[in-house]
Every structure is written in C-alpha cells, then in structure tokens.
PDB file of N, CA and C in Angstrom:
ATOM      1  N   UNK A   1       0.873  -1.120  -0.110  1.00  0.00           N
ATOM      2  CA  UNK A   1       0.117  -0.031   0.023  1.00  0.00           C
ATOM      3  C   UNK A   1       0.874   1.228   0.110  1.00  0.00           C
ATOM      4  N   UNK A   2       1.873   1.067   0.493  1.00  0.00           N
ATOM      5  CA  UNK A   2       2.889   2.301   0.845  1.00  0.00           C
ATOM      6  C   UNK A   2       3.611   2.865  -0.458  1.00  0.00           C
ATOM      7  N   UNK A   3       3.951   1.540  -1.389  1.00  0.00           N
ATOM      8  CA  UNK A   3       4.363   1.844  -2.555  1.00  0.00           C
ATOM      9  C   UNK A   3       3.517   2.556  -3.438  1.00  0.00           C
ATOM     10  N   UNK A   4       2.036   2.164  -3.516  1.00  0.00           N
ATOM     11  CA  UNK A   4       1.206   3.112  -4.223  1.00  0.00           C
ATOM     12  C   UNK A   4       1.290   4.406  -4.002  1.00  0.00           C
ATOM     13  N   UNK A   5       1.204   4.789  -2.647  1.00  0.00           N
ATOM     14  CA  UNK A   5       1.351   6.134  -2.392  1.00  0.00           C
ATOM     15  C   UNK A   5       2.184   6.862  -2.761  1.00  0.00           C
ATOM     16  N   UNK A   6       3.521   6.119  -2.578  1.00  0.00           N
ATOM     17  CA  UNK A   6       4.798   6.835  -3.141  1.00  0.00           C
ATOM     18  C   UNK A   6       4.613   7.116  -4.643  1.00  0.00           C
ATOM     19  N   UNK A   7       4.187   5.897  -5.320  1.00  0.00           N
ATOM     20  CA  UNK A   7       4.023   5.990  -6.765  1.00  0.00           C
ATOM     21  C   UNK A   7       3.240   7.300  -6.930  1.00  0.00           C
ATOM     22  N   UNK A   8       2.306   7.492  -6.484  1.00  0.00           N
ATOM     23  CA  UNK A   8       1.456   8.275  -6.856  1.00  0.00           C
ATOM     24  C   UNK A   8       1.782   9.687  -6.533  1.00  0.00           C
ATOM     25  N   UNK A   9       2.401   9.931  -5.367  1.00  0.00           N
ATOM     26  CA  UNK A   9       3.137  11.389  -5.258  1.00  0.00           C
ATOM     27  C   UNK A   9       4.235  11.462  -6.206  1.00  0.00           C
ATOM     28  N   UNK A  10       5.050  10.359  -6.408  1.00  0.00           N
ATOM     29  CA  UNK A  10       6.253  10.733  -7.499  1.00  0.00           C
ATOM     30  C   UNK A  10       5.347  11.372  -8.937  1.00  0.00           C
ATOM     31  N   UNK A  11       4.337  10.738  -9.548  1.00  0.00           N
ATOM     32  CA  UNK A  11       3.639  10.917 -10.706  1.00  0.00           C
ATOM     33  C   UNK A  11       3.198  12.514 -10.397  1.00  0.00           C
ATOM     34  N   UNK A  12       2.221  12.535  -9.324  1.00  0.00           N
ATOM     35  CA  UNK A  12       1.960  14.106  -9.343  1.00  0.00           C
ATOM     36  C   UNK A  12       3.012  14.940  -9.195  1.00  0.00           C
ATOM     37  N   UNK A  13       4.220  14.920  -8.327  1.00  0.00           N
ATOM     38  CA  UNK A  13       5.303  15.866  -8.528  1.00  0.00           C
ATOM     39  C   UNK A  13       5.406  15.884 -10.020  1.00  0.00           C
ATOM     40  N   UNK A  14       5.954  14.730 -10.782  1.00  0.00           N
ATOM     41  CA  UNK A  14       6.528  14.942 -12.154  1.00  0.00           C
ATOM     42  C   UNK A  14       5.411  15.749 -12.848  1.00  0.00           C
ATOM     43  N   UNK A  15       4.190  15.367 -12.929  1.00  0.00           N
ATOM     44  CA  UNK A  15       3.197  16.297 -13.267  1.00  0.00           C
ATOM     45  C   UNK A  15       2.952  17.452 -13.457  1.00  0.00           C
ATOM     46  N   UNK A  16       3.024  18.105 -12.047  1.00  0.00           N
ATOM     47  CA  UNK A  16       2.855  19.241 -11.647  1.00  0.00           C
ATOM     48  C   UNK A  16       4.104  20.044 -12.458  1.00  0.00           C
ATOM     49  N   UNK A  17       5.231  19.509 -12.253  1.00  0.00           N
ATOM     50  CA  UNK A  17       6.648  19.980 -12.749  1.00  0.00           C
ATOM     51  C   UNK A  17       6.632  20.246 -14.120  1.00  0.00           C
ATOM     52  N   UNK A  18       5.878  19.687 -14.758  1.00  0.00           N
ATOM     53  CA  UNK A  18       5.847  19.788 -16.143  1.00  0.00           C
ATOM     54  C   UNK A  18       5.171  20.387 -16.967  1.00  0.00           C
ATOM     55  N   UNK A  19       3.969  20.967 -16.107  1.00  0.00           N
ATOM     56  CA  UNK A  19       2.858  21.844 -16.595  1.00  0.00           C
ATOM     57  C   UNK A  19       3.001  23.032 -16.174  1.00  0.00           C
ATOM     58  N   UNK A  20       4.133  24.049 -16.034  1.00  0.00           N
ATOM     59  CA  UNK A  20       4.167  25.240 -15.358  1.00  0.00           C
ATOM     60  C   UNK A  20       3.362  26.369 -15.969  1.00  0.00           C
ATOM     61  N   UNK A  21       2.480  27.310 -15.536  1.00  0.00           N
ATOM     62  CA  UNK A  21       1.959  28.011 -16.267  1.00  0.00           C
ATOM     63  C   UNK A  21       2.524  29.474 -15.603  1.00  0.00           C
ATOM     64  N   UNK A  22       2.260  30.468 -16.510  1.00  0.00           N
ATOM     65  CA  UNK A  22       2.731  31.855 -15.911  1.00  0.00           C
ATOM     66  C   UNK A  22       1.397  32.760 -16.326  1.00  0.00           C
ATOM     67  N   UNK A  23       1.627  33.646 -15.582  1.00  0.00           N
ATOM     68  CA  UNK A  23       0.670  34.950 -15.933  1.00  0.00           C
ATOM     69  C   UNK A  23       1.526  35.851 -16.832  1.00  0.00           C
ATOM     70  N   UNK A  24       0.793  36.022 -18.018  1.00  0.00           N
ATOM     71  CA  UNK A  24       1.569  37.031 -19.162  1.00  0.00           C
ATOM     72  C   UNK A  24       0.863  37.733 -19.589  1.00  0.00           C
ATOM     73  N   UNK A  25       1.179  39.046 -20.134  1.00  0.00           N
ATOM     74  CA  UNK A  25       0.559  40.077 -20.911  1.00  0.00           C
ATOM     75  C   UNK A  25       1.563  40.705 -21.785  1.00  0.00           C
ATOM     76  N   UNK A  26       1.272  40.517 -23.105  1.00  0.00           N
ATOM     77  CA  UNK A  26       2.283  41.537 -23.808  1.00  0.00           C
ATOM     78  C   UNK A  26       2.181  42.769 -23.529  1.00  0.00           C
ATOM     79  N   UNK A  27       3.807  43.306 -23.466  1.00  0.00           N
ATOM     80  CA  UNK A  27       3.770  44.604 -23.404  1.00  0.00           C
ATOM     81  C   UNK A  27       3.777  45.126 -21.902  1.00  0.00           C
ATOM     82  N   UNK A  28       3.308  44.527 -20.954  1.00  0.00           N
ATOM     83  CA  UNK A  28       3.950  44.301 -19.421  1.00  0.00           C
ATOM     84  C   UNK A  28       5.140  43.920 -19.328  1.00  0.00           C
ATOM     85  N   UNK A  29       5.762  44.967 -18.145  1.00  0.00           N
ATOM     86  CA  UNK A  29       6.798  44.694 -17.430  1.00  0.00           C
ATOM     87  C   UNK A  29       6.850  43.611 -16.400  1.00  0.00           C
ATOM     88  N   UNK A  30       7.810  42.858 -16.109  1.00  0.00           N
ATOM     89  CA  UNK A  30       7.699  42.026 -14.992  1.00  0.00           C
ATOM     90  C   UNK A  30       7.335  42.489 -13.676  1.00  0.00           C
ATOM     91  N   UNK A  31       7.554  43.618 -13.281  1.00  0.00           N
ATOM     92  CA  UNK A  31       7.732  44.527 -12.095  1.00  0.00           C
ATOM     93  C   UNK A  31       6.271  44.877 -12.363  1.00  0.00           C
ATOM     94  N   UNK A  32       5.420  44.965 -13.584  1.00  0.00           N
ATOM     95  CA  UNK A  32       3.894  45.431 -13.409  1.00  0.00           C
ATOM     96  C   UNK A  32       3.142  44.108 -13.326  1.00  0.00           C
ATOM     97  N   UNK A  33       3.741  43.053 -13.923  1.00  0.00           N
ATOM     98  CA  UNK A  33       2.841  41.788 -13.337  1.00  0.00           C
ATOM     99  C   UNK A  33       3.094  41.533 -12.017  1.00  0.00           C
ATOM    100  N   UNK A  34       4.355  41.610 -11.378  1.00  0.00           N
ATOM    101  CA  UNK A  34       4.168  41.189  -9.973  1.00  0.00           C
ATOM    102  C   UNK A  34       3.597  42.224  -9.337  1.00  0.00           C
ATOM    103  N   UNK A  35       3.540  43.389  -9.351  1.00  0.00           N
ATOM    104  CA  UNK A  35       2.741  44.518  -8.703  1.00  0.00           C
ATOM    105  C   UNK A  35       1.371  44.155  -8.633  1.00  0.00           C
ATOM    106  N   UNK A  36       0.381  43.613 -10.051  1.00  0.00           N
ATOM    107  CA  UNK A  36      -0.560  43.264 -10.248  1.00  0.00           C
ATOM    108  C   UNK A  36      -1.116  42.164  -9.577  1.00  0.00           C
ATOM    109  N   UNK A  37      -0.354  40.974  -9.624  1.00  0.00           N
ATOM    110  CA  UNK A  37      -0.602  39.951  -8.522  1.00  0.00           C
ATOM    111  C   UNK A  37      -0.487  40.196  -7.319  1.00  0.00           C
ATOM    112  N   UNK A  38       0.432  40.982  -6.811  1.00  0.00           N
ATOM    113  CA  UNK A  38       0.550  41.509  -5.374  1.00  0.00           C
ATOM    114  C   UNK A  38      -0.878  42.208  -4.982  1.00  0.00           C
ATOM    115  N   UNK A  39      -1.397  42.731  -5.639  1.00  0.00           N
ATOM    116  CA  UNK A  39      -2.692  43.589  -5.504  1.00  0.00           C
ATOM    117  C   UNK A  39      -3.915  42.484  -5.472  1.00  0.00           C
ATOM    118  N   UNK A  40      -3.765  41.822  -6.390  1.00  0.00           N
ATOM    119  CA  UNK A  40      -4.914  40.534  -6.577  1.00  0.00           C
ATOM    120  C   UNK A  40      -4.714  39.869  -5.077  1.00  0.00           C
ATOM    121  N   UNK A  41      -3.294  39.614  -4.733  1.00  0.00           N
ATOM    122  CA  UNK A  41      -3.155  38.929  -3.306  1.00  0.00           C
ATOM    123  C   UNK A  41      -3.854  39.669  -2.196  1.00  0.00           C
ATOM    124  N   UNK A  42      -3.612  40.974  -2.197  1.00  0.00           N
ATOM    125  CA  UNK A  42      -3.956  41.780  -1.027  1.00  0.00           C
ATOM    126  C   UNK A  42      -5.723  41.708  -1.117  1.00  0.00           C
ATOM    127  N   UNK A  43      -6.388  42.049  -2.349  1.00  0.00           N
ATOM    128  CA  UNK A  43      -7.575  41.831  -2.384  1.00  0.00           C
ATOM    129  C   UNK A  43      -8.260  40.598  -1.913  1.00  0.00           C
ATOM    130  N   UNK A  44      -7.479  39.355  -2.263  1.00  0.00           N
ATOM    131  CA  UNK A  44      -8.144  38.263  -1.685  1.00  0.00           C
ATOM    132  C   UNK A  44      -7.994  38.007  -0.305  1.00  0.00           C
ATOM    133  N   UNK A  45      -6.848  38.700   0.416  1.00  0.00           N
ATOM    134  CA  UNK A  45      -6.704  38.695   1.951  1.00  0.00           C
ATOM    135  C   UNK A  45      -7.821  39.000   2.577  1.00  0.00           C
ATOM    136  N   UNK A  46      -8.393  40.355   1.997  1.00  0.00           N
ATOM    137  CA  UNK A  46      -9.403  40.976   2.434  1.00  0.00           C
ATOM    138  C   UNK A  46     -10.716  40.075   2.362  1.00  0.00           C
ATOM    139  N   UNK A  47     -10.501  39.188   1.576  1.00  0.00           N
ATOM    140  CA  UNK A  47     -11.952  38.480   1.422  1.00  0.00           C
ATOM    141  C   UNK A  47     -11.895  37.259   2.076  1.00  0.00           C
ATOM    142  N   UNK A  48     -10.889  36.675   2.574  1.00  0.00           N
ATOM    143  CA  UNK A  48     -10.831  35.253   3.240  1.00  0.00           C
ATOM    144  C   UNK A  48     -10.553  35.725   4.545  1.00  0.00           C
ATOM    145  N   UNK A  49     -11.369  35.012   5.671  1.00  0.00           N
ATOM    146  CA  UNK A  49     -11.532  35.351   6.996  1.00  0.00           C
ATOM    147  C   UNK A  49     -10.891  34.241   7.684  1.00  0.00           C
ATOM    148  N   UNK A  50     -10.941  32.948   6.881  1.00  0.00           N
ATOM    149  CA  UNK A  50     -10.300  31.813   7.926  1.00  0.00           C
ATOM    150  C   UNK A  50      -9.079  31.414   7.013  1.00  0.00           C
ATOM    151  N   UNK A  51      -8.340  30.396   7.805  1.00  0.00           N
ATOM    152  CA  UNK A  51      -7.336  29.743   7.080  1.00  0.00           C
ATOM    153  C   UNK A  51      -7.424  28.592   6.919  1.00  0.00           C
ATOM    154  N   UNK A  52      -8.663  28.165   6.313  1.00  0.00           N
ATOM    155  CA  UNK A  52      -8.817  26.769   5.622  1.00  0.00           C
ATOM    156  C   UNK A  52      -8.858  27.198   3.976  1.00  0.00           C
ATOM    157  N   UNK A  53      -8.014  26.591   3.687  1.00  0.00           N
ATOM    158  CA  UNK A  53      -7.586  26.607   2.400  1.00  0.00           C
ATOM    159  C   UNK A  53      -8.589  25.887   1.166  1.00  0.00           C
ATOM    160  N   UNK A  54      -8.620  26.309   0.171  1.00  0.00           N
ATOM    161  CA  UNK A  54      -9.822  25.807  -0.717  1.00  0.00           C
ATOM    162  C   UNK A  54      -9.598  26.419  -2.107  1.00  0.00           C
ATOM    163  N   UNK A  55     -10.597  25.927  -2.993  1.00  0.00           N
ATOM    164  CA  UNK A  55     -10.368  26.204  -4.330  1.00  0.00           C
ATOM    165  C   UNK A  55     -10.705  27.794  -4.650  1.00  0.00           C
ATOM    166  N   UNK A  56     -11.309  28.421  -3.809  1.00  0.00           N
ATOM    167  CA  UNK A  56     -11.546  29.604  -3.867  1.00  0.00           C
ATOM    168  C   UNK A  56     -10.378  30.468  -4.041  1.00  0.00           C
ATOM    169  N   UNK A  57      -9.254  30.624  -3.718  1.00  0.00           N
ATOM    170  CA  UNK A  57      -8.110  31.327  -3.351  1.00  0.00           C
ATOM    171  C   UNK A  57      -7.819  31.148  -5.105  1.00  0.00           C
ATOM    172  N   UNK A  58      -7.497  30.077  -5.576  1.00  0.00           N
ATOM    173  CA  UNK A  58      -7.034  29.688  -6.737  1.00  0.00           C
ATOM    174  C   UNK A  58      -7.991  30.418  -7.995  1.00  0.00           C
ATOM    175  N   UNK A  59      -9.404  30.059  -8.054  1.00  0.00           N
ATOM    176  CA  UNK A  59     -10.131  30.852  -8.600  1.00  0.00           C
ATOM    177  C   UNK A  59     -10.215  32.438  -8.558  1.00  0.00           C
ATOM    178  N   UNK A  60     -10.249  32.912  -7.135  1.00  0.00           N
ATOM    179  CA  UNK A  60      -9.813  34.196  -7.255  1.00  0.00           C
ATOM    180  C   UNK A  60      -8.837  34.844  -7.951  1.00  0.00           C
ATOM    181  N   UNK A  61      -7.667  34.190  -7.579  1.00  0.00           N
ATOM    182  CA  UNK A  61      -6.469  34.951  -8.348  1.00  0.00           C
ATOM    183  C   UNK A  61      -6.630  34.822  -9.914  1.00  0.00           C
ATOM    184  N   UNK A  62      -6.908  33.720 -10.449  1.00  0.00           N
ATOM    185  CA  UNK A  62      -7.349  33.398 -12.095  1.00  0.00           C
ATOM    186  C   UNK A  62      -8.324  34.345 -12.333  1.00  0.00           C
ATOM    187  N   UNK A  63      -9.318  34.851 -11.947  1.00  0.00           N
ATOM    188  CA  UNK A  63     -10.181  35.762 -12.283  1.00  0.00           C
ATOM    189  C   UNK A  63      -9.677  37.258 -12.315  1.00  0.00           C
ATOM    190  N   UNK A  64      -9.097  37.316 -10.881  1.00  0.00           N
ATOM    191  CA  UNK A  64      -8.477  38.738 -11.146  1.00  0.00           C
ATOM    192  C   UNK A  64      -7.328  39.332 -11.690  1.00  0.00           C
ATOM    193  N   UNK A  65      -6.583  38.365 -12.099  1.00  0.00           N
ATOM    194  CA  UNK A  65      -5.581  38.390 -13.159  1.00  0.00           C
ATOM    195  C   UNK A  65      -5.960  38.450 -14.635  1.00  0.00           C
ATOM    196  N   UNK A  66      -7.027  37.797 -14.854  1.00  0.00           N
ATOM    197  CA  UNK A  66      -7.891  37.607 -16.015  1.00  0.00           C
ATOM    198  C   UNK A  66      -8.512  39.286 -16.544  1.00  0.00           C
ATOM    199  N   UNK A  67      -9.054  39.668 -15.256  1.00  0.00           N
ATOM    200  CA  UNK A  67      -9.795  41.132 -15.630  1.00  0.00           C
ATOM    201  C   UNK A  67      -8.579  41.834 -15.485  1.00  0.00           C
ATOM    202  N   UNK A  68      -7.482  41.684 -15.276  1.00  0.00           N
ATOM    203  CA  UNK A  68      -6.277  42.743 -15.298  1.00  0.00           C
ATOM    204  C   UNK A  68      -5.695  42.477 -16.881  1.00  0.00           C
ATOM    205  N   UNK A  69      -6.192  41.620 -17.513  1.00  0.00           N
ATOM    206  CA  UNK A  69      -5.699  41.424 -18.987  1.00  0.00           C
ATOM    207  C   UNK A  69      -4.573  40.297 -19.133  1.00  0.00           C
ATOM    208  N   UNK A  70      -4.339  39.469 -18.124  1.00  0.00           N
ATOM    209  CA  UNK A  70      -3.437  38.369 -18.381  1.00  0.00           C
ATOM    210  C   UNK A  70      -3.976  37.085 -18.774  1.00  0.00           C
ATOM    211  N   UNK A  71      -3.078  36.705 -19.443  1.00  0.00           N
ATOM    212  CA  UNK A  71      -3.689  35.005 -19.763  1.00  0.00           C
ATOM    213  C   UNK A  71      -2.426  34.024 -19.075  1.00  0.00           C
ATOM    214  N   UNK A  72      -3.117  32.911 -19.168  1.00  0.00           N
ATOM    215  CA  UNK A  72      -1.991  31.671 -18.671  1.00  0.00           C
ATOM    216  C   UNK A  72      -1.625  31.039 -19.683  1.00  0.00           C
ATOM    217  N   UNK A  73      -0.148  31.098 -19.684  1.00  0.00           N
ATOM    218  CA  UNK A  73       0.698  30.532 -21.177  1.00  0.00           C
ATOM    219  C   UNK A  73       1.755  29.963 -20.178  1.00  0.00           C
ATOM    220  N   UNK A  74       1.736  28.690 -21.196  1.00  0.00           N
ATOM    221  CA  UNK A  74       2.929  27.569 -20.531  1.00  0.00           C
ATOM    222  C   UNK A  74       4.200  28.211 -20.904  1.00  0.00           C
ATOM    223  N   UNK A  75       5.063  27.194 -20.212  1.00  0.00           N
ATOM    224  CA  UNK A  75       6.483  27.954 -20.119  1.00  0.00           C
ATOM    225  C   UNK A  75       6.906  28.038 -21.708  1.00  0.00           C
ATOM    226  N   UNK A  76       6.489  26.776 -22.128  1.00  0.00           N
ATOM    227  CA  UNK A  76       7.076  26.876 -23.932  1.00  0.00           C
ATOM    228  C   UNK A  76       6.615  27.698 -24.803  1.00  0.00           C
ATOM    229  N   UNK A  77       5.512  28.544 -24.256  1.00  0.00           N
ATOM    230  CA  UNK A  77       4.988  29.430 -25.237  1.00  0.00           C
ATOM    231  C   UNK A  77       5.158  30.840 -24.887  1.00  0.00           C
ATOM    232  N   UNK A  78       5.907  30.990 -23.683  1.00  0.00           N
ATOM    233  CA  UNK A  78       6.647  32.400 -23.477  1.00  0.00           C
ATOM    234  C   UNK A  78       7.612  32.671 -24.617  1.00  0.00           C
ATOM    235  N   UNK A  79       7.742  34.257 -24.925  1.00  0.00           N
ATOM    236  CA  UNK A  79       8.834  34.488 -25.670  1.00  0.00           C
ATOM    237  C   UNK A  79       9.974  34.493 -24.563  1.00  0.00           C
ATOM    238  N   UNK A  80      11.097  33.954 -25.506  1.00  0.00           N
ATOM    239  CA  UNK A  80      12.717  33.799 -24.612  1.00  0.00           C
ATOM    240  C   UNK A  80      13.247  35.400 -24.091  1.00  0.00           C
ATOM    241  N   UNK A  81      12.683  36.158 -24.265  1.00  0.00           N
ATOM    242  CA  UNK A  81      13.185  37.111 -23.982  1.00  0.00           C
ATOM    243  C   UNK A  81      12.543  38.076 -22.574  1.00  0.00           C
ATOM    244  N   UNK A  82      11.629  36.974 -22.156  1.00  0.00           N
ATOM    245  CA  UNK A  82      11.041  37.892 -20.741  1.00  0.00           C
ATOM    246  C   UNK A  82      11.500  37.126 -19.521  1.00  0.00           C
ATOM    247  N   UNK A  83      11.709  38.088 -18.457  1.00  0.00           N
ATOM    248  CA  UNK A  83      11.921  37.317 -17.096  1.00  0.00           C
ATOM    249  C   UNK A  83      10.752  36.639 -16.428  1.00  0.00           C
ATOM    250  N   UNK A  84      11.096  35.282 -15.560  1.00  0.00           N
ATOM    251  CA  UNK A  84       9.982  34.706 -15.108  1.00  0.00           C
ATOM    252  C   UNK A  84      10.329  34.419 -13.722  1.00  0.00           C
ATOM    253  N   UNK A  85       9.317  34.453 -13.132  1.00  0.00           N
ATOM    254  CA  UNK A  85       9.189  33.779 -11.594  1.00  0.00           C
ATOM    255  C   UNK A  85       8.576  32.738 -11.756  1.00  0.00           C
ATOM    256  N   UNK A  86       8.992  31.443 -11.415  1.00  0.00           N
ATOM    257  CA  UNK A  86       8.113  30.364 -11.380  1.00  0.00           C
ATOM    258  C   UNK A  86       7.095  29.848 -10.621  1.00  0.00           C
ATOM    259  N   UNK A  87       6.107  29.274 -10.729  1.00  0.00           N
ATOM    260  CA  UNK A  87       5.098  29.183 -10.023  1.00  0.00           C
ATOM    261  C   UNK A  87       5.707  28.513  -8.329  1.00  0.00           C
ATOM    262  N   UNK A  88       4.738  28.651  -7.526  1.00  0.00           N
ATOM    263  CA  UNK A  88       5.045  27.861  -6.309  1.00  0.00           C
ATOM    264  C   UNK A  88       4.367  26.726  -6.221  1.00  0.00           C
ATOM    265  N   UNK A  89       5.309  25.389  -6.656  1.00  0.00           N
ATOM    266  CA  UNK A  89       4.331  24.189  -6.679  1.00  0.00           C
ATOM    267  C   UNK A  89       4.532  23.397  -5.519  1.00  0.00           C
ATOM    268  N   UNK A  90       5.007  24.071  -4.256  1.00  0.00           N
ATOM    269  CA  UNK A  90       4.847  23.504  -3.003  1.00  0.00           C
ATOM    270  C   UNK A  90       3.325  23.229  -2.646  1.00  0.00           C
ATOM    271  N   UNK A  91       3.086  22.585  -1.532  1.00  0.00           N
ATOM    272  CA  UNK A  91       1.851  22.119  -1.295  1.00  0.00           C
ATOM    273  C   UNK A  91       1.165  23.397  -0.910  1.00  0.00           C
ATOM    274  N   UNK A  92       1.672  24.504   0.108  1.00  0.00           N
ATOM    275  CA  UNK A  92       1.205  25.753   0.380  1.00  0.00           C
ATOM    276  C   UNK A  92       0.966  26.381  -0.872  1.00  0.00           C
ATOM    277  N   UNK A  93       1.651  26.329  -1.715  1.00  0.00           N
ATOM    278  CA  UNK A  93       1.452  27.234  -3.036  1.00  0.00           C
ATOM    279  C   UNK A  93       0.177  27.149  -3.846  1.00  0.00           C
ATOM    280  N   UNK A  94       0.171  25.220  -3.915  1.00  0.00           N
ATOM    281  CA  UNK A  94      -1.190  24.836  -4.686  1.00  0.00           C
ATOM    282  C   UNK A  94      -2.234  25.194  -4.136  1.00  0.00           C
ATOM    283  N   UNK A  95      -2.059  25.399  -2.877  1.00  0.00           N
ATOM    284  CA  UNK A  95      -3.370  25.399  -1.869  1.00  0.00           C
ATOM    285  C   UNK A  95      -3.865  27.063  -2.110  1.00  0.00           C
ATOM    286  N   UNK A  96      -2.932  27.648  -1.798  1.00  0.00           N
ATOM    287  CA  UNK A  96      -3.329  29.252  -1.489  1.00  0.00           C
ATOM    288  C   UNK A  96      -3.101  29.958  -2.854  1.00  0.00           C
ATOM    289  N   UNK A  97      -3.348  29.584  -4.021  1.00  0.00           N
ATOM    290  CA  UNK A  97      -3.484  30.215  -5.054  1.00  0.00           C
ATOM    291  C   UNK A  97      -2.269  30.559  -5.714  1.00  0.00           C
ATOM    292  N   UNK A  98      -1.173  30.163  -5.391  1.00  0.00           N
ATOM    293  CA  UNK A  98       0.170  30.361  -6.362  1.00  0.00           C
ATOM    294  C   UNK A  98       0.805  29.265  -7.237  1.00  0.00           C
ATOM    295  N   UNK A  99      -0.453  28.923  -8.097  1.00  0.00           N
ATOM    296  CA  UNK A  99      -0.278  27.795  -9.072  1.00  0.00           C
ATOM    297  C   UNK A  99       0.451  28.453 -10.268  1.00  0.00           C
ATOM    298  N   UNK A 100       0.652  29.742 -10.531  1.00  0.00           N
ATOM    299  CA  UNK A 100       0.861  30.408 -11.610  1.00  0.00           C
ATOM    300  C   UNK A 100       2.277  31.230 -11.482  1.00  0.00           C
ATOM    301  N   UNK A 101       3.315  30.899 -12.422  1.00  0.00           N
ATOM    302  CA  UNK A 101       4.205  31.993 -12.348  1.00  0.00           C
ATOM    303  C   UNK A 101       4.230  33.259 -12.631  1.00  0.00           C
ATOM    304  N   UNK A 102       5.109  33.974 -12.953  1.00  0.00           N
ATOM    305  CA  UNK A 102       5.171  35.407 -13.415  1.00  0.00           C
ATOM    306  C   UNK A 102       5.796  35.731 -14.429  1.00  0.00           C
ATOM    307  N   UNK A 103       5.517  36.365 -15.498  1.00  0.00           N
ATOM    308  CA  UNK A 103       6.545  36.359 -16.771  1.00  0.00           C
ATOM    309  C   UNK A 103       6.127  37.861 -17.204  1.00  0.00           C
ATOM    310  N   UNK A 104       7.085  38.569 -17.620  1.00  0.00           N
ATOM    311  CA  UNK A 104       7.153  40.079 -18.146  1.00  0.00           C
ATOM    312  C   UNK A 104       8.214  40.531 -18.806  1.00  0.00           C
ATOM    313  N   UNK A 105       8.101  41.308 -19.605  1.00  0.00           N
ATOM    314  CA  UNK A 105       9.330  42.186 -20.153  1.00  0.00           C
ATOM    315  C   UNK A 105      10.513  42.731 -19.298  1.00  0.00           C
ATOM    316  N   UNK A 106      11.459  42.813 -19.584  1.00  0.00           N
ATOM    317  CA  UNK A 106      12.663  43.636 -18.886  1.00  0.00           C
ATOM    318  C   UNK A 106      12.419  44.882 -18.931  1.00  0.00           C
ATOM    319  N   UNK A 107      12.559  45.742 -17.951  1.00  0.00           N
ATOM    320  CA  UNK A 107      12.373  47.390 -18.165  1.00  0.00           C
ATOM    321  C   UNK A 107      13.927  47.789 -18.815  1.00  0.00           C
ATOM    322  N   UNK A 108      13.493  48.554 -19.760  1.00  0.00           N
ATOM    323  CA  UNK A 108      14.780  48.961 -20.518  1.00  0.00           C
ATOM    324  C   UNK A 108      14.932  50.608 -20.250  1.00  0.00           C
TER     325      UNK A 108
END
C-alpha cells in the first residue's frame, strides 16, 4: 500500500513540474505583472477570513489576473526574452492560489 502512495506522489510531482503556467500580458514588464499579482493577493486577503484553504483562492487569483488582462501561458509558449518567476509548486502554493508563475518583459 505504501508503495502505491509513493508512486502516486512521484507521478503527481512530475506532472506538476511539467505543466508550469505563467501569468503573461504582452507589453507589460515583469515588475508590473508582479505588482498586479500582489494587488490581487491583497484583495484576496480582504475576502478570506479563515485559514481553511480551498479552491476559492485559486479561482479568485485566476479571475483577478484575467480581469487585469493577463492570460495563462505555458512555459514553452513564453517569448525567450521575458523574465520569469516560477510558480510555487509546494503544497502551500498549490492550496493558496500561487499555481501560476509570473512573466514580463525586462525594463529597458
């Protein structure tokens, strides 16, 4: 039984590691993207009154960033010239809405 659990965990980690997605909006700098994400997280904190994680956090962040004009892009589809911050693939990151990384152009 323990070997099945370990196998599922390993497969899950490999699956999550290969499917990294990033919030990206053409023409936005990395710093603007980071600030927009921080603004969404601050608004989320106003709406969550308990420490019980759920899918609400992820849905809220997705909706907030989409309203700001960002799309979810896989790593392979990002332009090579953009700066990236990888998603938080830890359990805490997955639970608390940090499933997407950030990407944007470098300030010139």
